């Protein structure tokens, strides 16, 4: 499930075999060539200060796509590009797979023996100047800036808060690493584990059904604080539902 990833330190992951062909992403997205989320049940209204938004409430706002990427992304090396980056008020999103990023601090879960493509750095460092710990910190990978899509051009920078939705669950994290400019759909060991996805860096991940929602202009502080990401993420998710 892994694929090459380019990091701020200039290292490039070696190619790994793509996941088996035949996996089907969401269907019914209203933009050419893209994948989409299944139609969720109608959500109850959500107002600021109310309970945390549910997966179905968020997905209800992402059933169609206003494509903002200049082209589509592949979910794995060797696969056809099918995934657009979509824009909404205050956020961008995409529906994809999840591959496992185990880079950063060396741990029992994430190291060169567990992951032959392991790198001991991440594009974003913590407030104390250390790489992120993929085994304990839920974070997301966004493709490197290219003519296809520029996250900074959409008011998104390293440290932005991200909501990841899978199988009825919502988990919040931070944008902490960058990946190849033509492939999308990757998150940390801790993010996968929190969502009930196999986090093994060599054999884990899931082939479809994951939605990544990135909030424009956001910044988690301190960037390594998961509780700060959850608190800010839930507030921004309420705003997202109210504004779209």
C-alpha atoms as a PDB file:
ATOM      1  CA  UNK A   1       0.000   0.000   0.000  1.00  0.00           C
ATOM      2  CA  UNK A   2       2.985   2.353   0.319  1.00  0.00           C
ATOM      3  CA  UNK A   3       4.239   4.688  -2.379  1.00  0.00           C
ATOM      4  CA  UNK A   4       7.158   7.091  -2.825  1.00  0.00           C
ATOM      5  CA  UNK A   5       7.042  10.225  -0.720  1.00  0.00           C
ATOM      6  CA  UNK A   6       9.252  13.289  -1.062  1.00  0.00           C
ATOM      7  CA  UNK A   7      10.154  15.043   2.173  1.00  0.00           C
ATOM      8  CA  UNK A   8      11.475  18.410   3.178  1.00  0.00           C
ATOM      9  CA  UNK A   9      14.901  16.829   3.686  1.00  0.00           C
ATOM     10  CA  UNK A  10      14.953  15.825   0.019  1.00  0.00           C
ATOM     11  CA  UNK A  11      14.547  12.054   0.360  1.00  0.00           C
ATOM     12  CA  UNK A  12      12.296  10.122  -1.987  1.00  0.00           C
ATOM     13  CA  UNK A  13      10.619   6.871  -1.059  1.00  0.00           C
ATOM     14  CA  UNK A  14      11.346   3.977  -3.400  1.00  0.00           C
ATOM     15  CA  UNK A  15       8.412   2.673  -5.450  1.00  0.00           C
ATOM     16  CA  UNK A  16       6.366  -0.043  -3.888  1.00  0.00           C
ATOM     17  CA  UNK A  17       3.881  -2.278  -5.629  1.00  0.00           C
ATOM     18  CA  UNK A  18       0.398  -0.808  -5.837  1.00  0.00           C
ATOM     19  CA  UNK A  19      -2.469  -2.381  -3.950  1.00  0.00           C
ATOM     20  CA  UNK A  20      -4.448  -4.990  -5.918  1.00  0.00           C
ATOM     21  CA  UNK A  21      -6.452  -3.570  -8.740  1.00  0.00           C
ATOM     22  CA  UNK A  22     -10.211  -3.637  -8.612  1.00  0.00           C
ATOM     23  CA  UNK A  23     -10.816  -1.619  -5.479  1.00  0.00           C
ATOM     24  CA  UNK A  24     -13.712   0.739  -6.026  1.00  0.00           C
ATOM     25  CA  UNK A  25     -13.759   4.207  -4.511  1.00  0.00           C
ATOM     26  CA  UNK A  26     -16.877   6.210  -3.718  1.00  0.00           C
ATOM     27  CA  UNK A  27     -19.349   6.489  -6.571  1.00  0.00           C
ATOM     28  CA  UNK A  28     -21.536   9.265  -7.814  1.00  0.00           C
ATOM     29  CA  UNK A  29     -19.261  12.302  -7.426  1.00  0.00           C
ATOM     30  CA  UNK A  30     -20.419  15.149  -9.613  1.00  0.00           C
ATOM     31  CA  UNK A  31     -17.121  15.973 -11.296  1.00  0.00           C
ATOM     32  CA  UNK A  32     -15.374  14.327 -14.190  1.00  0.00           C
ATOM     33  CA  UNK A  33     -13.093  11.401 -13.495  1.00  0.00           C
ATOM     34  CA  UNK A  34     -13.286  11.685  -9.700  1.00  0.00           C
ATOM     35  CA  UNK A  35     -14.335   9.380  -6.942  1.00  0.00           C
ATOM     36  CA  UNK A  36     -17.021  10.263  -4.456  1.00  0.00           C
ATOM     37  CA  UNK A  37     -18.586   9.459  -1.134  1.00  0.00           C
ATOM     38  CA  UNK A  38     -21.675   7.283  -0.792  1.00  0.00           C
ATOM     39  CA  UNK A  39     -24.851   9.259  -0.251  1.00  0.00           C
ATOM     40  CA  UNK A  40     -25.204   9.576   3.531  1.00  0.00           C
ATOM     41  CA  UNK A  41     -28.442   9.760   5.430  1.00  0.00           C
ATOM     42  CA  UNK A  42     -29.816  13.230   5.984  1.00  0.00           C
ATOM     43  CA  UNK A  43     -28.058  14.728   9.023  1.00  0.00           C
ATOM     44  CA  UNK A  44     -29.520  16.723  11.845  1.00  0.00           C
ATOM     45  CA  UNK A  45     -28.565  20.379  11.853  1.00  0.00           C
ATOM     46  CA  UNK A  46     -25.416  21.328  13.747  1.00  0.00           C
ATOM     47  CA  UNK A  47     -24.776  24.702  15.333  1.00  0.00           C
ATOM     48  CA  UNK A  48     -21.623  26.091  16.952  1.00  0.00           C
ATOM     49  CA  UNK A  49     -21.188  24.822  20.491  1.00  0.00           C
ATOM     50  CA  UNK A  50     -23.309  21.719  19.891  1.00  0.00           C
ATOM     51  CA  UNK A  51     -22.094  18.123  19.918  1.00  0.00           C
ATOM     52  CA  UNK A  52     -19.192  17.194  17.695  1.00  0.00           C
ATOM     53  CA  UNK A  53     -20.256  16.692  14.066  1.00  0.00           C
ATOM     54  CA  UNK A  54     -20.716  13.097  12.995  1.00  0.00           C
ATOM     55  CA  UNK A  55     -19.245  11.401   9.964  1.00  0.00           C
ATOM     56  CA  UNK A  56     -22.586  11.422   8.147  1.00  0.00           C
ATOM     57  CA  UNK A  57     -23.139  15.114   8.859  1.00  0.00           C
ATOM     58  CA  UNK A  58     -19.756  15.989   7.359  1.00  0.00           C
ATOM     59  CA  UNK A  59     -20.085  13.636   4.392  1.00  0.00           C
ATOM     60  CA  UNK A  60     -23.475  15.159   3.565  1.00  0.00           C
ATOM     61  CA  UNK A  61     -21.606  18.346   2.649  1.00  0.00           C
ATOM     62  CA  UNK A  62     -19.208  16.493   0.347  1.00  0.00           C
ATOM     63  CA  UNK A  63     -21.479  14.543  -1.982  1.00  0.00           C
ATOM     64  CA  UNK A  64     -20.530  16.695  -4.980  1.00  0.00           C
ATOM     65  CA  UNK A  65     -17.237  18.178  -6.053  1.00  0.00           C
ATOM     66  CA  UNK A  66     -16.207  21.602  -7.256  1.00  0.00           C
ATOM     67  CA  UNK A  67     -12.834  20.548  -8.575  1.00  0.00           C
ATOM     68  CA  UNK A  68     -10.012  22.943  -7.736  1.00  0.00           C
ATOM     69  CA  UNK A  69      -7.067  20.745  -8.711  1.00  0.00           C
ATOM     70  CA  UNK A  70      -5.661  21.112 -12.207  1.00  0.00           C
ATOM     71  CA  UNK A  71      -6.060  17.431 -12.928  1.00  0.00           C
ATOM     72  CA  UNK A  72      -6.550  14.237 -10.922  1.00  0.00           C
ATOM     73  CA  UNK A  73      -4.436  12.189  -8.512  1.00  0.00           C
ATOM     74  CA  UNK A  74      -3.735   8.465  -8.414  1.00  0.00           C
ATOM     75  CA  UNK A  75      -4.234   6.588  -5.141  1.00  0.00           C
ATOM     76  CA  UNK A  76      -1.162   4.386  -5.707  1.00  0.00           C
ATOM     77  CA  UNK A  77       1.802   4.163  -8.025  1.00  0.00           C
ATOM     78  CA  UNK A  78       0.855   2.617 -11.358  1.00  0.00           C
ATOM     79  CA  UNK A  79      -2.848   3.378 -11.065  1.00  0.00           C
ATOM     80  CA  UNK A  80      -4.812   5.757 -13.238  1.00  0.00           C
ATOM     81  CA  UNK A  81      -5.496   9.194 -11.748  1.00  0.00           C
ATOM     82  CA  UNK A  82      -9.104   9.367 -10.560  1.00  0.00           C
ATOM     83  CA  UNK A  83      -9.154  11.626  -7.486  1.00  0.00           C
ATOM     84  CA  UNK A  84      -9.835  15.374  -7.672  1.00  0.00           C
ATOM     85  CA  UNK A  85      -9.193  17.877  -4.929  1.00  0.00           C
ATOM     86  CA  UNK A  86     -12.516  19.598  -4.273  1.00  0.00           C
ATOM     87  CA  UNK A  87     -13.249  23.025  -2.821  1.00  0.00           C
ATOM     88  CA  UNK A  88     -15.920  24.199  -0.403  1.00  0.00           C
ATOM     89  CA  UNK A  89     -16.338  27.290   1.773  1.00  0.00           C
ATOM     90  CA  UNK A  90     -13.482  27.194   4.266  1.00  0.00           C
ATOM     91  CA  UNK A  91     -12.029  23.815   3.294  1.00  0.00           C
ATOM     92  CA  UNK A  92     -10.774  21.453   0.625  1.00  0.00           C
ATOM     93  CA  UNK A  93     -11.406  17.704   0.526  1.00  0.00           C
ATOM     94  CA  UNK A  94     -10.789  14.513  -1.382  1.00  0.00           C
ATOM     95  CA  UNK A  95     -12.089  10.934  -1.279  1.00  0.00           C
ATOM     96  CA  UNK A  96      -9.309   8.355  -1.565  1.00  0.00           C
ATOM     97  CA  UNK A  97      -7.574   5.367  -0.012  1.00  0.00           C
ATOM     98  CA  UNK A  98      -5.232   5.439   2.974  1.00  0.00           C
ATOM     99  CA  UNK A  99      -1.606   4.380   2.841  1.00  0.00           C
ATOM    100  CA  UNK A 100       0.466   4.397   6.019  1.00  0.00           C
ATOM    101  CA  UNK A 101       3.166   6.990   6.688  1.00  0.00           C
ATOM    102  CA  UNK A 102       5.475   5.765   9.464  1.00  0.00           C
ATOM    103  CA  UNK A 103       8.122   8.466   9.151  1.00  0.00           C
ATOM    104  CA  UNK A 104       9.505  10.654  11.912  1.00  0.00           C
ATOM    105  CA  UNK A 105      10.731   9.613  15.343  1.00  0.00           C
ATOM    106  CA  UNK A 106      12.065   6.049  15.489  1.00  0.00           C
ATOM    107  CA  UNK A 107       9.778   3.857  17.608  1.00  0.00           C
ATOM    108  CA  UNK A 108       8.968   0.179  18.061  1.00  0.00           C
ATOM    109  CA  UNK A 109       6.197   0.592  15.481  1.00  0.00           C
ATOM    110  CA  UNK A 110       8.038   2.815  13.014  1.00  0.00           C
ATOM    111  CA  UNK A 111      11.625   1.999  12.123  1.00  0.00           C
ATOM    112  CA  UNK A 112      13.766   0.733   9.252  1.00  0.00           C
ATOM    113  CA  UNK A 113      13.031  -2.912  10.104  1.00  0.00           C
ATOM    114  CA  UNK A 114       9.258  -2.458  10.214  1.00  0.00           C
ATOM    115  CA  UNK A 115       9.250  -0.197   7.160  1.00  0.00           C
ATOM    116  CA  UNK A 116      12.044  -0.517   4.562  1.00  0.00           C
ATOM    117  CA  UNK A 117      11.029   2.911   3.196  1.00  0.00           C
ATOM    118  CA  UNK A 118      11.273   4.525   6.637  1.00  0.00           C
ATOM    119  CA  UNK A 119      12.631   8.079   6.924  1.00  0.00           C
ATOM    120  CA  UNK A 120      13.505   9.621  10.283  1.00  0.00           C
ATOM    121  CA  UNK A 121      12.095  13.064   9.474  1.00  0.00           C
ATOM    122  CA  UNK A 122       8.821  14.778   8.629  1.00  0.00           C
ATOM    123  CA  UNK A 123       8.181  17.989   6.716  1.00  0.00           C
ATOM    124  CA  UNK A 124       6.728  19.643   9.826  1.00  0.00           C
ATOM    125  CA  UNK A 125       8.546  19.604  13.156  1.00  0.00           C
ATOM    126  CA  UNK A 126       7.029  19.919  16.603  1.00  0.00           C
ATOM    127  CA  UNK A 127       7.202  23.115  18.646  1.00  0.00           C
ATOM    128  CA  UNK A 128      10.423  21.773  20.189  1.00  0.00           C
ATOM    129  CA  UNK A 129      12.016  21.155  16.794  1.00  0.00           C
ATOM    130  CA  UNK A 130      11.598  17.379  16.642  1.00  0.00           C
ATOM    131  CA  UNK A 131      10.111  15.274  13.819  1.00  0.00           C
ATOM    132  CA  UNK A 132       6.592  14.019  14.394  1.00  0.00           C
ATOM    133  CA  UNK A 133       6.020  10.618  15.981  1.00  0.00           C
ATOM    134  CA  UNK A 134       3.858   8.706  13.500  1.00  0.00           C
ATOM    135  CA  UNK A 135       3.092   5.995  16.061  1.00  0.00           C
ATOM    136  CA  UNK A 136       1.414   8.396  18.501  1.00  0.00           C
ATOM    137  CA  UNK A 137       0.516  11.546  16.537  1.00  0.00           C
ATOM    138  CA  UNK A 138      -2.405  11.444  14.074  1.00  0.00           C
ATOM    139  CA  UNK A 139      -1.239  13.357  11.020  1.00  0.00           C
ATOM    140  CA  UNK A 140      -1.952  13.551   7.298  1.00  0.00           C
ATOM    141  CA  UNK A 141       0.221  13.730   4.185  1.00  0.00           C
ATOM    142  CA  UNK A 142      -0.660  16.164   1.376  1.00  0.00           C
ATOM    143  CA  UNK A 143       1.000  16.023  -2.076  1.00  0.00           C
ATOM    144  CA  UNK A 144       3.897  18.353  -2.755  1.00  0.00           C
ATOM    145  CA  UNK A 145       3.047  21.652  -4.427  1.00  0.00           C
ATOM    146  CA  UNK A 146       2.846  21.273  -8.197  1.00  0.00           C
ATOM    147  CA  UNK A 147       0.957  22.592 -11.198  1.00  0.00           C
ATOM    148  CA  UNK A 148      -1.696  19.995 -10.350  1.00  0.00           C
ATOM    149  CA  UNK A 149      -2.469  21.520  -6.947  1.00  0.00           C
ATOM    150  CA  UNK A 150      -0.856  23.913  -4.482  1.00  0.00           C
ATOM    151  CA  UNK A 151      -2.011  23.577  -0.904  1.00  0.00           C
ATOM    152  CA  UNK A 152      -0.536  26.988  -0.078  1.00  0.00           C
ATOM    153  CA  UNK A 153      -2.517  28.452  -2.968  1.00  0.00           C
ATOM    154  CA  UNK A 154      -5.634  27.268  -1.124  1.00  0.00           C
ATOM    155  CA  UNK A 155      -4.611  28.949   2.163  1.00  0.00           C
ATOM    156  CA  UNK A 156      -3.327  25.683   3.660  1.00  0.00           C
ATOM    157  CA  UNK A 157       0.082  25.320   5.308  1.00  0.00           C
ATOM    158  CA  UNK A 158       1.891  22.695   7.343  1.00  0.00           C
ATOM    159  CA  UNK A 159       0.202  22.608  10.746  1.00  0.00           C
ATOM    160  CA  UNK A 160      -3.345  22.914   9.374  1.00  0.00           C
ATOM    161  CA  UNK A 161      -6.039  20.854  11.079  1.00  0.00           C
ATOM    162  CA  UNK A 162      -7.501  17.927   9.114  1.00  0.00           C
ATOM    163  CA  UNK A 163     -10.571  15.756   9.680  1.00  0.00           C
ATOM    164  CA  UNK A 164     -10.310  12.195   8.360  1.00  0.00           C
ATOM    165  CA  UNK A 165     -13.507  10.180   7.951  1.00  0.00           C
ATOM    166  CA  UNK A 166     -13.740   6.415   7.571  1.00  0.00           C
ATOM    167  CA  UNK A 167     -16.389   3.794   8.327  1.00  0.00           C
ATOM    168  CA  UNK A 168     -18.576   6.139  10.352  1.00  0.00           C
ATOM    169  CA  UNK A 169     -15.679   7.550  12.395  1.00  0.00           C
ATOM    170  CA  UNK A 170     -14.134  11.036  12.428  1.00  0.00           C
ATOM    171  CA  UNK A 171     -10.573  11.617  13.640  1.00  0.00           C
ATOM    172  CA  UNK A 172      -8.759  14.948  13.735  1.00  0.00           C
ATOM    173  CA  UNK A 173      -5.078  15.527  13.141  1.00  0.00           C
ATOM    174  CA  UNK A 174      -2.546  17.866  11.619  1.00  0.00           C
ATOM    175  CA  UNK A 175      -1.010  18.279   8.158  1.00  0.00           C
ATOM    176  CA  UNK A 176       2.563  17.266   9.020  1.00  0.00           C
ATOM    177  CA  UNK A 177       4.161  15.676   5.959  1.00  0.00           C
ATOM    178  CA  UNK A 178       4.270  16.097   2.202  1.00  0.00           C
ATOM    179  CA  UNK A 179       4.167  13.397  -0.455  1.00  0.00           C
ATOM    180  CA  UNK A 180       4.608  12.766  -4.181  1.00  0.00           C
ATOM    181  CA  UNK A 181       3.033  15.319  -6.478  1.00  0.00           C
ATOM    182  CA  UNK A 182       0.879  12.824  -8.390  1.00  0.00           C
ATOM    183  CA  UNK A 183      -0.418  10.511  -5.615  1.00  0.00           C
ATOM    184  CA  UNK A 184      -2.864  11.225  -2.800  1.00  0.00           C
ATOM    185  CA  UNK A 185      -4.269   9.433   0.266  1.00  0.00           C
ATOM    186  CA  UNK A 186      -1.797   8.889   3.122  1.00  0.00           C
ATOM    187  CA  UNK A 187      -1.791   9.333   6.901  1.00  0.00           C
ATOM    188  CA  UNK A 188       0.236   8.358   9.936  1.00  0.00           C
ATOM    189  CA  UNK A 189       0.272   5.081  11.817  1.00  0.00           C
ATOM    190  CA  UNK A 190      -1.603   6.755  14.687  1.00  0.00           C
ATOM    191  CA  UNK A 191      -4.286   8.187  12.392  1.00  0.00           C
ATOM    192  CA  UNK A 192      -4.946   4.799  10.823  1.00  0.00           C
ATOM    193  CA  UNK A 193      -5.074   3.088  14.200  1.00  0.00           C
ATOM    194  CA  UNK A 194      -7.541   5.656  15.571  1.00  0.00           C
ATOM    195  CA  UNK A 195      -9.873   4.964  12.623  1.00  0.00           C
ATOM    196  CA  UNK A 196      -9.695   1.186  12.958  1.00  0.00           C
ATOM    197  CA  UNK A 197      -7.480   0.785   9.879  1.00  0.00           C
ATOM    198  CA  UNK A 198      -4.546  -1.655   9.950  1.00  0.00           C
ATOM    199  CA  UNK A 199      -1.584   0.680  10.666  1.00  0.00           C
ATOM    200  CA  UNK A 200       1.198  -1.691   9.634  1.00  0.00           C
ATOM    201  CA  UNK A 201       3.532   0.373   7.408  1.00  0.00           C
ATOM    202  CA  UNK A 202       4.259  -2.557   5.100  1.00  0.00           C
ATOM    203  CA  UNK A 203       0.890  -4.316   4.811  1.00  0.00           C
ATOM    204  CA  UNK A 204      -1.693  -1.954   6.307  1.00  0.00           C
ATOM    205  CA  UNK A 205      -3.950   0.770   5.017  1.00  0.00           C
ATOM    206  CA  UNK A 206      -7.211   0.513   3.119  1.00  0.00           C
ATOM    207  CA  UNK A 207      -7.965   0.679  -0.610  1.00  0.00           C
ATOM    208  CA  UNK A 208     -10.927   3.078  -0.553  1.00  0.00           C
ATOM    209  CA  UNK A 209     -13.579   4.812   1.529  1.00  0.00           C
ATOM    210  CA  UNK A 210     -11.486   7.506   3.242  1.00  0.00           C
ATOM    211  CA  UNK A 211     -12.347  11.224   3.133  1.00  0.00           C
ATOM    212  CA  UNK A 212      -9.765  13.898   3.967  1.00  0.00           C
ATOM    213  CA  UNK A 213     -11.127  17.348   4.918  1.00  0.00           C
ATOM    214  CA  UNK A 214      -8.548  20.138   5.368  1.00  0.00           C
ATOM    215  CA  UNK A 215      -9.582  23.446   6.900  1.00  0.00           C
ATOM    216  CA  UNK A 216      -8.213  26.562   5.196  1.00  0.00           C
ATOM    217  CA  UNK A 217      -6.285  29.095   7.229  1.00  0.00           C
ATOM    218  CA  UNK A 218      -6.147  26.841  10.290  1.00  0.00           C
ATOM    219  CA  UNK A 219      -3.165  26.170  12.553  1.00  0.00           C
ATOM    220  CA  UNK A 220      -2.957  23.750  15.446  1.00  0.00           C
ATOM    221  CA  UNK A 221      -1.053  25.186  18.424  1.00  0.00           C
ATOM    222  CA  UNK A 222       1.128  23.577  19.517  1.00  0.00           C
ATOM    223  CA  UNK A 223       1.222  21.548  16.319  1.00  0.00           C
ATOM    224  CA  UNK A 224       1.963  18.279  18.120  1.00  0.00           C
ATOM    225  CA  UNK A 225      -1.058  18.534  20.443  1.00  0.00           C
ATOM    226  CA  UNK A 226      -3.745  16.061  19.468  1.00  0.00           C
ATOM    227  CA  UNK A 227      -6.209  17.555  21.949  1.00  0.00           C
ATOM    228  CA  UNK A 228      -5.681  20.980  20.349  1.00  0.00           C
ATOM    229  CA  UNK A 229      -6.281  19.462  16.899  1.00  0.00           C
ATOM    230  CA  UNK A 230      -9.502  17.825  18.111  1.00  0.00           C
ATOM    231  CA  UNK A 231     -10.831  20.973  19.763  1.00  0.00           C
ATOM    232  CA  UNK A 232     -10.052  23.242  16.822  1.00  0.00           C
ATOM    233  CA  UNK A 233     -11.141  20.602  14.325  1.00  0.00           C
ATOM    234  CA  UNK A 234     -14.555  20.138  15.909  1.00  0.00           C
ATOM    235  CA  UNK A 235     -15.144  23.893  15.956  1.00  0.00           C
ATOM    236  CA  UNK A 236     -14.147  24.216  12.296  1.00  0.00           C
ATOM    237  CA  UNK A 237     -16.217  21.176  11.361  1.00  0.00           C
ATOM    238  CA  UNK A 238     -19.306  22.867  12.867  1.00  0.00           C
ATOM    239  CA  UNK A 239     -18.529  25.991  10.840  1.00  0.00           C
ATOM    240  CA  UNK A 240     -18.027  23.875   7.714  1.00  0.00           C
ATOM    241  CA  UNK A 241     -21.461  22.315   8.125  1.00  0.00           C
ATOM    242  CA  UNK A 242     -23.061  25.688   8.772  1.00  0.00           C
ATOM    243  CA  UNK A 243     -21.411  27.386   5.801  1.00  0.00           C
ATOM    244  CA  UNK A 244     -21.921  24.732   3.109  1.00  0.00           C
END
